[in-house]
């Protein structure tokens, strides 16, 4: 599996967007960190866009950089070009401008038993403002979650003009192509389509050409940054969900903490658990994933610096929480999952 992050620095709406700061890091760095540990990571752009900021990230994260042609108009075009020289079962296109995609959500899609030839993701809208913005792509689907249509306008909408933003679906910029799918698309790469030209959404080109796009639902509270004004909006949204706590305060509330050596992998930890016959970690992981990340229940991120990698359960006042904890290189993020009131 190849995870490919395409970008271009020349943009009329937001020049140098991908090396502009979001939460004190270059925007593209968030996508690079998202991909760590999930497969072979490739960052791609025209050679002229391999600037110092990207070179520094290249040295830091050790991804592959592949220069692609100036003739490529979209991220999908860059993926197709790379696929001519590098073969794999799937090519995963990761948007470089959606910094709040959660790794666990991405993993749940990538590790499905069966993926279609063409796949993309969607989520619920965070608020009405996101929904009505023509910068967001709205989708409608079949009953079995295949893409019917995508638009920057609000869909679905009643003929009276009324709509319910909470029932609208937002497209997320992740796309997954099988080798077969990308080969078939490459054969038709020069065919322009009317809906793609009209809406400016490349997914429409793919379904106009007769292919089926499978949709996968994820939990995602962010959006793709298209204009400079959106940086401040998304940073405030992120910071609103942050809780600042001291490590000592957090550790004192752990119930059955699982201590893990710093360097041990999550897979190795599960393997060791099977040997000693203790399934606590596996059961806690399954329980966390089965909850589905309902935004009405899963509320906050906690940032800490001094905890070992692992999975924990925590008691906090009269609220029961589950902790999903992962190591994002030098940063440590904990997802607090509110699972209900304590009956005691």
Protein backbone atom coordinates (compact mmCIF):
# COMPACT_ATOMS: atom_id res chain seq x y z
CA UNK A 1 0.00 0.00 0.00
CA UNK A 2 1.35 3.38 -1.00
CA UNK A 3 0.18 6.52 0.83
CA UNK A 4 0.62 9.46 -1.51
CA UNK A 5 0.41 13.12 -0.47
CA UNK A 6 0.20 15.41 -3.53
CA UNK A 7 0.55 19.18 -3.33
CA UNK A 8 1.19 22.32 -5.38
CA UNK A 9 2.46 25.61 -4.01
CA UNK A 10 1.07 27.80 -6.80
CA UNK A 11 -2.53 28.68 -6.01
CA UNK A 12 -4.55 31.75 -6.80
CA UNK A 13 -6.62 31.46 -3.61
CA UNK A 14 -3.85 30.54 -1.16
CA UNK A 15 -0.25 30.63 -2.50
CA UNK A 16 2.21 28.46 -0.56
CA UNK A 17 -0.70 27.00 1.40
CA UNK A 18 0.92 23.66 2.19
CA UNK A 19 3.98 25.20 3.83
CA UNK A 20 1.96 27.81 5.73
CA UNK A 21 1.60 27.16 9.44
CA UNK A 22 -1.30 25.37 11.06
CA UNK A 23 -0.95 24.89 14.82
CA UNK A 24 2.67 26.03 14.56
CA UNK A 25 3.62 23.42 11.95
CA UNK A 26 3.61 23.48 8.14
CA UNK A 27 0.16 22.39 7.03
CA UNK A 28 1.49 19.44 5.03
CA UNK A 29 3.35 18.09 8.07
CA UNK A 30 0.07 17.08 9.70
CA UNK A 31 -0.71 14.80 6.76
CA UNK A 32 2.81 13.36 6.78
CA UNK A 33 2.49 12.54 10.48
CA UNK A 34 -0.92 10.99 9.86
CA UNK A 35 0.64 8.47 7.45
CA UNK A 36 3.51 7.35 9.67
CA UNK A 37 3.39 3.62 10.30
CA UNK A 38 0.58 2.93 7.83
CA UNK A 39 2.57 2.08 4.71
CA UNK A 40 5.09 3.53 2.27
CA UNK A 41 4.72 7.32 2.29
CA UNK A 42 5.29 9.29 -0.91
CA UNK A 43 5.08 13.08 -1.13
CA UNK A 44 4.73 14.38 -4.67
CA UNK A 45 4.73 17.74 -6.44
CA UNK A 46 6.43 19.38 -9.41
CA UNK A 47 10.19 19.54 -8.91
CA UNK A 48 10.05 23.32 -8.54
CA UNK A 49 7.84 22.93 -5.44
CA UNK A 50 10.44 20.90 -3.54
CA UNK A 51 11.33 23.89 -1.35
CA UNK A 52 13.38 24.09 1.85
CA UNK A 53 10.36 23.57 4.11
CA UNK A 54 9.55 20.30 2.35
CA UNK A 55 13.23 19.30 2.28
CA UNK A 56 13.40 19.76 6.06
CA UNK A 57 10.33 17.54 6.52
CA UNK A 58 11.87 15.01 4.12
CA UNK A 59 14.93 14.76 6.36
CA UNK A 60 12.80 14.57 9.52
CA UNK A 61 10.26 11.92 8.43
CA UNK A 62 12.25 9.94 5.81
CA UNK A 63 9.40 9.71 3.28
CA UNK A 64 9.99 9.32 -0.45
CA UNK A 65 9.68 12.44 -2.58
CA UNK A 66 8.78 11.86 -6.22
CA UNK A 67 8.63 14.81 -8.60
CA UNK A 68 5.60 14.69 -10.90
CA UNK A 69 4.81 16.63 -14.05
CA UNK A 70 3.57 20.18 -14.30
CA UNK A 71 0.95 18.74 -16.65
CA UNK A 72 -0.83 17.06 -13.72
CA UNK A 73 -3.91 19.15 -12.92
CA UNK A 74 -5.17 17.20 -9.89
CA UNK A 75 -3.90 15.03 -7.08
CA UNK A 76 -5.37 12.00 -8.82
CA UNK A 77 -3.32 12.82 -11.93
CA UNK A 78 -0.16 12.71 -9.79
CA UNK A 79 -1.18 9.36 -8.30
CA UNK A 80 -1.75 7.99 -11.80
CA UNK A 81 1.66 9.20 -12.94
CA UNK A 82 3.39 7.56 -9.97
CA UNK A 83 1.48 4.31 -10.54
CA UNK A 84 3.13 3.93 -13.96
CA UNK A 85 6.50 3.36 -12.26
CA UNK A 86 5.57 1.95 -8.84
CA UNK A 87 3.17 -0.98 -8.49
CA UNK A 88 1.19 -1.87 -5.38
CA UNK A 89 -2.19 -3.30 -4.45
CA UNK A 90 -3.63 0.07 -3.39
CA UNK A 91 -2.74 3.74 -3.73
CA UNK A 92 -4.08 5.96 -0.95
CA UNK A 93 -4.27 9.66 -1.75
CA UNK A 94 -4.06 11.73 1.42
CA UNK A 95 -5.11 15.40 1.27
CA UNK A 96 -2.33 17.73 2.35
CA UNK A 97 -4.80 20.40 3.49
CA UNK A 98 -7.03 18.46 5.95
CA UNK A 99 -4.91 18.49 9.13
CA UNK A 100 -7.47 17.11 11.59
CA UNK A 101 -8.05 13.64 10.08
CA UNK A 102 -7.66 11.07 12.86
CA UNK A 103 -5.26 8.18 12.35
CA UNK A 104 -7.62 5.64 13.95
CA UNK A 105 -10.39 6.66 11.56
CA UNK A 106 -8.09 6.29 8.56
CA UNK A 107 -6.87 2.90 9.79
CA UNK A 108 -10.41 1.59 10.07
CA UNK A 109 -10.90 2.29 6.37
CA UNK A 110 -7.50 1.05 5.19
CA UNK A 111 -7.74 -2.21 7.13
CA UNK A 112 -11.14 -3.25 5.84
CA UNK A 113 -11.24 -6.83 4.54
CA UNK A 114 -12.38 -5.64 1.12
CA UNK A 115 -11.96 -2.30 -0.62
CA UNK A 116 -13.45 -1.41 -4.00
CA UNK A 117 -11.42 -0.22 -6.98
CA UNK A 118 -12.41 3.38 -6.17
CA UNK A 119 -12.99 4.54 -2.58
CA UNK A 120 -13.43 7.82 -0.79
CA UNK A 121 -14.60 8.96 2.64
CA UNK A 122 -17.36 11.13 4.02
CA UNK A 123 -18.49 12.47 7.36
CA UNK A 124 -21.26 14.49 8.99
CA UNK A 125 -21.03 18.26 8.93
CA UNK A 126 -19.64 19.88 12.07
CA UNK A 127 -22.02 22.85 11.85
CA UNK A 128 -24.37 24.66 9.49
CA UNK A 129 -21.68 27.12 8.39
CA UNK A 130 -19.52 24.31 7.04
CA UNK A 131 -22.48 22.91 5.16
CA UNK A 132 -23.54 26.10 3.40
CA UNK A 133 -19.97 27.02 2.41
CA UNK A 134 -19.26 26.51 -1.29
CA UNK A 135 -15.76 25.45 -0.26
CA UNK A 136 -17.13 22.15 1.06
CA UNK A 137 -18.19 19.26 -1.16
CA UNK A 138 -21.57 17.74 -0.36
CA UNK A 139 -22.45 14.23 -1.51
CA UNK A 140 -25.51 12.04 -2.00
CA UNK A 141 -25.23 8.28 -2.15
CA UNK A 142 -27.02 5.05 -2.94
CA UNK A 143 -28.46 2.95 -0.10
CA UNK A 144 -25.35 0.78 -0.21
CA UNK A 145 -22.99 3.76 0.02
CA UNK A 146 -21.86 4.42 -3.53
CA UNK A 147 -21.46 7.99 -4.76
CA UNK A 148 -24.41 9.30 -6.77
CA UNK A 149 -23.46 12.95 -7.03
CA UNK A 150 -21.22 15.56 -5.46
CA UNK A 151 -21.67 19.33 -5.41
CA UNK A 152 -20.47 22.53 -3.80
CA UNK A 153 -24.14 23.46 -3.49
CA UNK A 154 -26.31 22.03 -0.73
CA UNK A 155 -27.62 18.56 -1.56
CA UNK A 156 -30.08 17.08 -0.93
CA UNK A 157 -32.50 20.01 -0.83
CA UNK A 158 -36.29 20.20 -1.07
CA UNK A 159 -37.90 21.96 -4.04
CA UNK A 160 -39.11 24.57 -1.52
CA UNK A 161 -35.47 25.39 -0.79
CA UNK A 162 -35.55 23.86 2.69
CA UNK A 163 -32.76 21.57 3.83
CA UNK A 164 -31.50 19.89 7.01
CA UNK A 165 -27.75 20.41 7.29
CA UNK A 166 -27.50 17.62 9.87
CA UNK A 167 -28.58 15.12 7.20
CA UNK A 168 -26.11 16.35 4.60
CA UNK A 169 -22.90 14.41 4.03
CA UNK A 170 -19.48 16.02 3.62
CA UNK A 171 -16.84 14.49 1.37
CA UNK A 172 -13.38 14.00 2.92
CA UNK A 173 -10.41 14.23 0.56
CA UNK A 174 -9.06 10.70 1.13
CA UNK A 175 -9.18 8.56 -2.02
CA UNK A 176 -8.12 4.93 -2.35
CA UNK A 177 -7.50 3.34 -5.74
CA UNK A 178 -6.75 -0.32 -6.45
CA UNK A 179 -4.07 -1.13 -9.01
CA UNK A 180 -6.82 -2.30 -11.36
CA UNK A 181 -8.84 0.88 -10.82
CA UNK A 182 -5.93 3.25 -11.39
CA UNK A 183 -4.93 1.35 -14.55
CA UNK A 184 -8.44 1.64 -15.98
CA UNK A 185 -8.60 5.34 -15.09
CA UNK A 186 -5.20 5.97 -16.68
CA UNK A 187 -6.49 4.71 -20.02
CA UNK A 188 -9.09 7.52 -19.95
CA UNK A 189 -6.96 10.22 -18.32
CA UNK A 190 -7.27 12.63 -21.26
CA UNK A 191 -11.08 12.50 -21.36
CA UNK A 192 -12.59 15.63 -19.88
CA UNK A 193 -16.12 15.48 -18.45
CA UNK A 194 -18.81 18.14 -18.19
CA UNK A 195 -19.71 17.78 -14.51
CA UNK A 196 -16.09 17.88 -13.40
CA UNK A 197 -15.58 21.12 -15.35
CA UNK A 198 -18.81 22.57 -13.95
CA UNK A 199 -18.34 21.73 -10.26
CA UNK A 200 -14.54 21.52 -10.11
CA UNK A 201 -14.71 18.17 -8.29
CA UNK A 202 -12.58 15.37 -9.70
CA UNK A 203 -14.72 12.60 -8.19
CA UNK A 204 -17.44 13.56 -10.66
CA UNK A 205 -15.10 12.88 -13.57
CA UNK A 206 -14.54 9.35 -12.30
CA UNK A 207 -18.22 8.51 -11.96
CA UNK A 208 -19.02 10.23 -15.29
CA UNK A 209 -16.54 7.86 -16.91
CA UNK A 210 -18.61 4.96 -15.62
CA UNK A 211 -16.74 3.89 -12.49
CA UNK A 212 -18.32 3.34 -9.04
CA UNK A 213 -16.99 5.22 -6.03
CA UNK A 214 -17.45 3.36 -2.72
CA UNK A 215 -18.06 5.63 0.27
CA UNK A 216 -16.69 4.98 3.76
CA UNK A 217 -17.97 6.94 6.75
CA UNK A 218 -15.44 8.33 9.23
CA UNK A 219 -15.58 10.71 12.17
CA UNK A 220 -13.93 14.00 11.19
CA UNK A 221 -14.60 17.47 12.59
CA UNK A 222 -12.33 19.40 10.25
CA UNK A 223 -12.30 20.44 6.62
CA UNK A 224 -9.87 21.06 3.79
CA UNK A 225 -8.26 24.50 4.01
CA UNK A 226 -8.79 26.40 0.74
CA UNK A 227 -8.34 30.06 1.74
CA UNK A 228 -6.20 31.78 4.40
CA UNK A 229 -9.23 32.77 6.49
CA UNK A 230 -10.00 29.12 7.19
CA UNK A 231 -6.75 28.58 9.10
CA UNK A 232 -7.91 30.64 12.07
CA UNK A 233 -11.38 29.05 12.02
CA UNK A 234 -9.99 25.51 12.13
CA UNK A 235 -7.33 26.30 14.74
CA UNK A 236 -10.00 27.74 17.05
CA UNK A 237 -12.14 24.64 16.50
CA UNK A 238 -9.20 22.42 17.41
CA UNK A 239 -8.20 24.46 20.47
CA UNK A 240 -11.79 24.49 21.70
CA UNK A 241 -11.62 20.71 22.03
CA UNK A 242 -8.30 20.71 23.92
CA UNK A 243 -8.14 20.06 27.64
CA UNK A 244 -4.96 21.04 29.46
CA UNK A 245 -4.12 18.78 32.40
CA UNK A 246 -0.92 17.96 34.23
CA UNK A 247 0.51 14.49 33.78
CA UNK A 248 0.38 13.85 37.52
CA UNK A 249 -3.31 14.76 37.63
CA UNK A 250 -4.10 12.48 34.73
CA UNK A 251 -2.03 9.54 36.00
CA UNK A 252 -3.71 9.71 39.42
CA UNK A 253 -7.05 8.95 37.77
CA UNK A 254 -5.99 5.83 35.85
CA UNK A 255 -7.81 2.59 36.53
CA UNK A 256 -5.83 -0.51 35.52
CA UNK A 257 -3.10 1.38 33.66
CA UNK A 258 -1.20 -0.72 31.12
CA UNK A 259 2.47 0.12 31.26
CA UNK A 260 4.24 -0.33 27.93
CA UNK A 261 7.90 0.00 27.03
CA UNK A 262 8.53 3.08 24.92
CA UNK A 263 9.79 1.21 21.85
CA UNK A 264 7.38 -1.72 21.73
CA UNK A 265 4.89 -1.73 18.86
CA UNK A 266 1.15 -2.05 19.36
CA UNK A 267 1.13 -5.32 17.35
CA UNK A 268 3.98 -6.70 19.47
CA UNK A 269 2.10 -5.75 22.63
CA UNK A 270 -0.95 -7.72 21.46
CA UNK A 271 1.30 -10.66 20.56
CA UNK A 272 2.83 -10.69 24.06
CA UNK A 273 -0.61 -10.50 25.59
CA UNK A 274 -1.71 -13.65 23.71
CA UNK A 275 1.33 -15.53 25.01
CA UNK A 276 0.51 -14.77 28.65
CA UNK A 277 -3.21 -15.31 28.10
CA UNK A 278 -4.34 -11.80 29.06
CA UNK A 279 -6.83 -10.24 26.63
CA UNK A 280 -7.41 -6.97 28.49
CA UNK A 281 -5.67 -4.74 25.94
CA UNK A 282 -7.35 -6.39 22.96
CA UNK A 283 -10.80 -6.15 24.56
CA UNK A 284 -10.28 -2.49 25.42
CA UNK A 285 -9.16 -1.75 21.85
CA UNK A 286 -12.19 -3.55 20.40
CA UNK A 287 -14.48 -1.70 22.78
CA UNK A 288 -13.02 1.67 21.79
CA UNK A 289 -13.32 0.97 18.08
CA UNK A 290 -16.84 -0.43 18.40
CA UNK A 291 -18.08 2.81 19.93
CA UNK A 292 -17.95 4.47 16.51
CA UNK A 293 -16.63 7.90 17.53
CA UNK A 294 -20.04 9.53 17.88
CA UNK A 295 -19.29 13.28 18.10
CA UNK A 296 -22.00 13.74 20.70
CA UNK A 297 -20.18 11.31 23.01
CA UNK A 298 -16.49 11.70 22.17
CA UNK A 299 -15.53 15.12 23.16
CA UNK A 300 -11.93 16.04 23.75
CA UNK A 301 -8.23 15.71 23.09
CA UNK A 302 -5.72 15.75 25.92
CA UNK A 303 -2.11 16.59 25.14
CA UNK A 304 0.56 15.20 27.47
CA UNK A 305 4.27 14.61 27.19
CA UNK A 306 5.31 11.99 29.74
CA UNK A 307 3.23 8.84 29.30
CA UNK A 308 4.28 5.54 27.78
CA UNK A 309 2.46 4.36 24.69
CA UNK A 310 -0.56 2.20 25.52
CA UNK A 311 -4.29 1.92 26.06
CA UNK A 312 -5.86 3.02 29.32
CA UNK A 313 -9.17 3.28 31.11
CA UNK A 314 -9.67 6.33 33.28
CA UNK A 315 -12.15 7.42 35.94
CA UNK A 316 -12.85 11.14 36.06
CA UNK A 317 -15.42 12.30 38.59
CA UNK A 318 -18.74 10.67 37.83
CA UNK A 319 -17.91 10.18 34.15
CA UNK A 320 -16.40 6.99 32.77
CA UNK A 321 -13.89 7.50 29.97
CA UNK A 322 -11.89 5.26 27.73
CA UNK A 323 -8.51 6.42 26.54
CA UNK A 324 -7.17 5.78 23.08
CA UNK A 325 -3.52 6.73 23.27
CA UNK A 326 -0.93 6.73 20.50
CA UNK A 327 2.57 8.00 19.89
CA UNK A 328 2.76 10.61 17.12
CA UNK A 329 6.55 10.89 17.10
CA UNK A 330 7.48 13.67 19.51
CA UNK A 331 3.85 14.54 20.30
CA UNK A 332 1.55 12.49 22.49
CA UNK A 333 -2.17 12.72 21.92
CA UNK A 334 -4.87 11.11 24.01
CA UNK A 335 -8.45 10.78 22.81
CA UNK A 336 -10.95 10.96 25.64
CA UNK A 337 -14.05 8.93 24.89
CA UNK A 338 -17.01 9.72 27.13
CA UNK A 339 -18.98 6.47 27.48
CA UNK A 340 -21.65 7.44 29.97
CA UNK A 341 -22.46 8.29 33.58
CA UNK A 342 -21.05 6.20 36.40
CA UNK A 343 -23.95 4.31 37.97
CA UNK A 344 -22.22 4.05 41.33
